Amino acid sequence: MRNDSIDTLLLRHYGSPAPVPVDLEKRLSAMVQREKSVQARPQEAQRWGTQTVSRRRILQLMALGSAGASIVAVGVNVLHDTLGPTSSNQPAYAL
């Protein structure tokens, strides 16, 4: 397959009297940008896969994760206490 320019391909397909398609340049540049982003994704994934992470950063992430989990647990306890039964003398089951 030859590497023809867009102008050559359009002239070959439509001929010289054909009108230029509406927003041709804008659509072509959008397609080129999309193609660039699609090609960049595997490179980003490869970079993340080969990037080293320090022990300090791992500990920071673990601390943030455990802090977030404890905040969620406190919130669940508060909701349980707020929405739970008001009297603790109720039986666990009713006959």
Protein backbone atom coordinates (compact mmCIF):
# COMPACT_ATOMS: atom_id res chain seq x y z
CA MET A 1 0.00 0.00 0.00
CA ARG A 2 1.34 3.36 -1.00
CA ASN A 3 1.78 6.17 1.45
CA ASP A 4 -0.27 8.81 -0.40
CA SER A 5 -1.22 12.14 1.08
CA ILE A 6 -4.81 12.91 2.01
CA ASP A 7 -5.08 15.33 -0.93
CA THR A 8 -3.96 12.66 -3.40
CA LEU A 9 -6.41 10.12 -2.03
CA LEU A 10 -9.30 12.59 -2.14
CA LEU A 11 -8.48 13.63 -5.69
CA ARG A 12 -8.23 10.01 -6.79
CA HIS A 13 -11.54 9.09 -5.17
CA TYR A 14 -13.67 12.18 -5.84
CA GLY A 15 -11.88 13.93 -8.72
CA SER A 16 -10.89 17.58 -8.96
CA PRO A 17 -14.39 19.12 -9.21
CA ALA A 18 -15.56 17.49 -5.94
CA PRO A 19 -16.22 19.79 -2.97
CA VAL A 20 -14.09 19.54 0.13
CA PRO A 21 -15.92 17.63 2.91
CA VAL A 22 -17.22 19.77 5.78
CA ASP A 23 -14.79 20.08 8.73
CA LEU A 24 -12.32 17.71 7.09
CA GLU A 25 -9.27 19.14 8.80
CA LYS A 26 -10.94 19.15 12.22
CA ARG A 27 -12.07 15.52 11.86
CA LEU A 28 -8.66 14.38 10.65
CA SER A 29 -6.84 16.09 13.51
CA ALA A 30 -9.29 14.56 16.01
CA MET A 31 -8.63 11.09 14.55
CA VAL A 32 -4.87 11.63 14.75
CA GLN A 33 -5.15 12.72 18.40
CA ARG A 34 -7.28 9.66 19.20
CA GLU A 35 -4.75 7.40 17.52
CA LYS A 36 -1.92 8.98 19.51
CA SER A 37 -3.76 8.41 22.79
CA VAL A 38 -4.49 4.78 21.88
CA GLN A 39 -0.83 4.18 21.08
CA ALA A 40 0.30 5.90 24.31
CA ARG A 41 -1.75 3.63 26.61
CA PRO A 42 0.43 0.52 26.28
CA GLN A 43 3.52 2.66 26.82
CA GLU A 44 2.03 4.07 30.03
CA ALA A 45 1.15 0.58 31.24
CA GLN A 46 4.67 -0.60 30.50
CA ARG A 47 6.13 2.40 32.33
CA TRP A 48 3.97 1.68 35.41
CA GLY A 49 4.98 -1.98 35.27
CA THR A 50 8.71 -1.21 35.25
CA GLN A 51 8.65 1.72 37.67
CA THR A 52 10.15 0.99 41.06
CA VAL A 53 8.34 1.92 44.26
CA SER A 54 10.17 2.75 47.45
CA ARG A 55 9.38 1.09 50.76
CA ARG A 56 8.52 4.48 52.20
CA ARG A 57 5.86 5.03 49.51
CA ILE A 58 4.40 1.55 50.13
CA LEU A 59 4.16 2.29 53.86
CA GLN A 60 2.49 5.63 53.13
CA LEU A 61 -0.10 3.94 50.92
CA MET A 62 -0.74 1.25 53.53
CA ALA A 63 -1.17 3.88 56.25
CA LEU A 64 -3.62 5.84 54.12
CA GLY A 65 -5.56 2.68 53.32
CA SER A 66 -5.83 1.61 56.94
CA ALA A 67 -6.80 5.14 58.01
CA GLY A 68 -9.54 5.15 55.39
CA ALA A 69 -10.77 1.74 56.53
CA SER A 70 -10.90 2.86 60.15
CA ILE A 71 -12.84 6.00 59.21
CA VAL A 72 -15.36 3.84 57.36
CA ALA A 73 -15.63 1.51 60.36
CA VAL A 74 -16.28 4.42 62.72
CA GLY A 75 -18.93 5.74 60.35
CA VAL A 76 -20.64 2.35 60.20
CA ASN A 77 -20.62 2.11 64.01
CA VAL A 78 -22.14 5.57 64.33
CA LEU A 79 -24.85 4.67 61.82
CA HIS A 80 -25.52 1.38 63.58
CA ASP A 81 -25.84 3.11 66.94
CA THR A 82 -28.06 5.82 65.48
CA LEU A 83 -30.36 3.54 63.49
CA GLY A 84 -30.25 0.55 65.81
CA PRO A 85 -32.81 -0.38 68.49
CA THR A 86 -33.17 2.13 71.29
CA SER A 87 -33.78 -0.44 74.01
CA SER A 88 -31.27 -3.17 74.78
CA ASN A 89 -33.87 -5.18 76.73
CA GLN A 90 -35.55 -6.50 73.59
CA PRO A 91 -35.17 -10.24 72.96
CA ALA A 92 -33.08 -11.38 70.05
CA TYR A 93 -36.02 -13.32 68.68
CA ALA A 94 -39.76 -13.05 69.00
CA LEU A 95 -42.18 -15.95 69.47
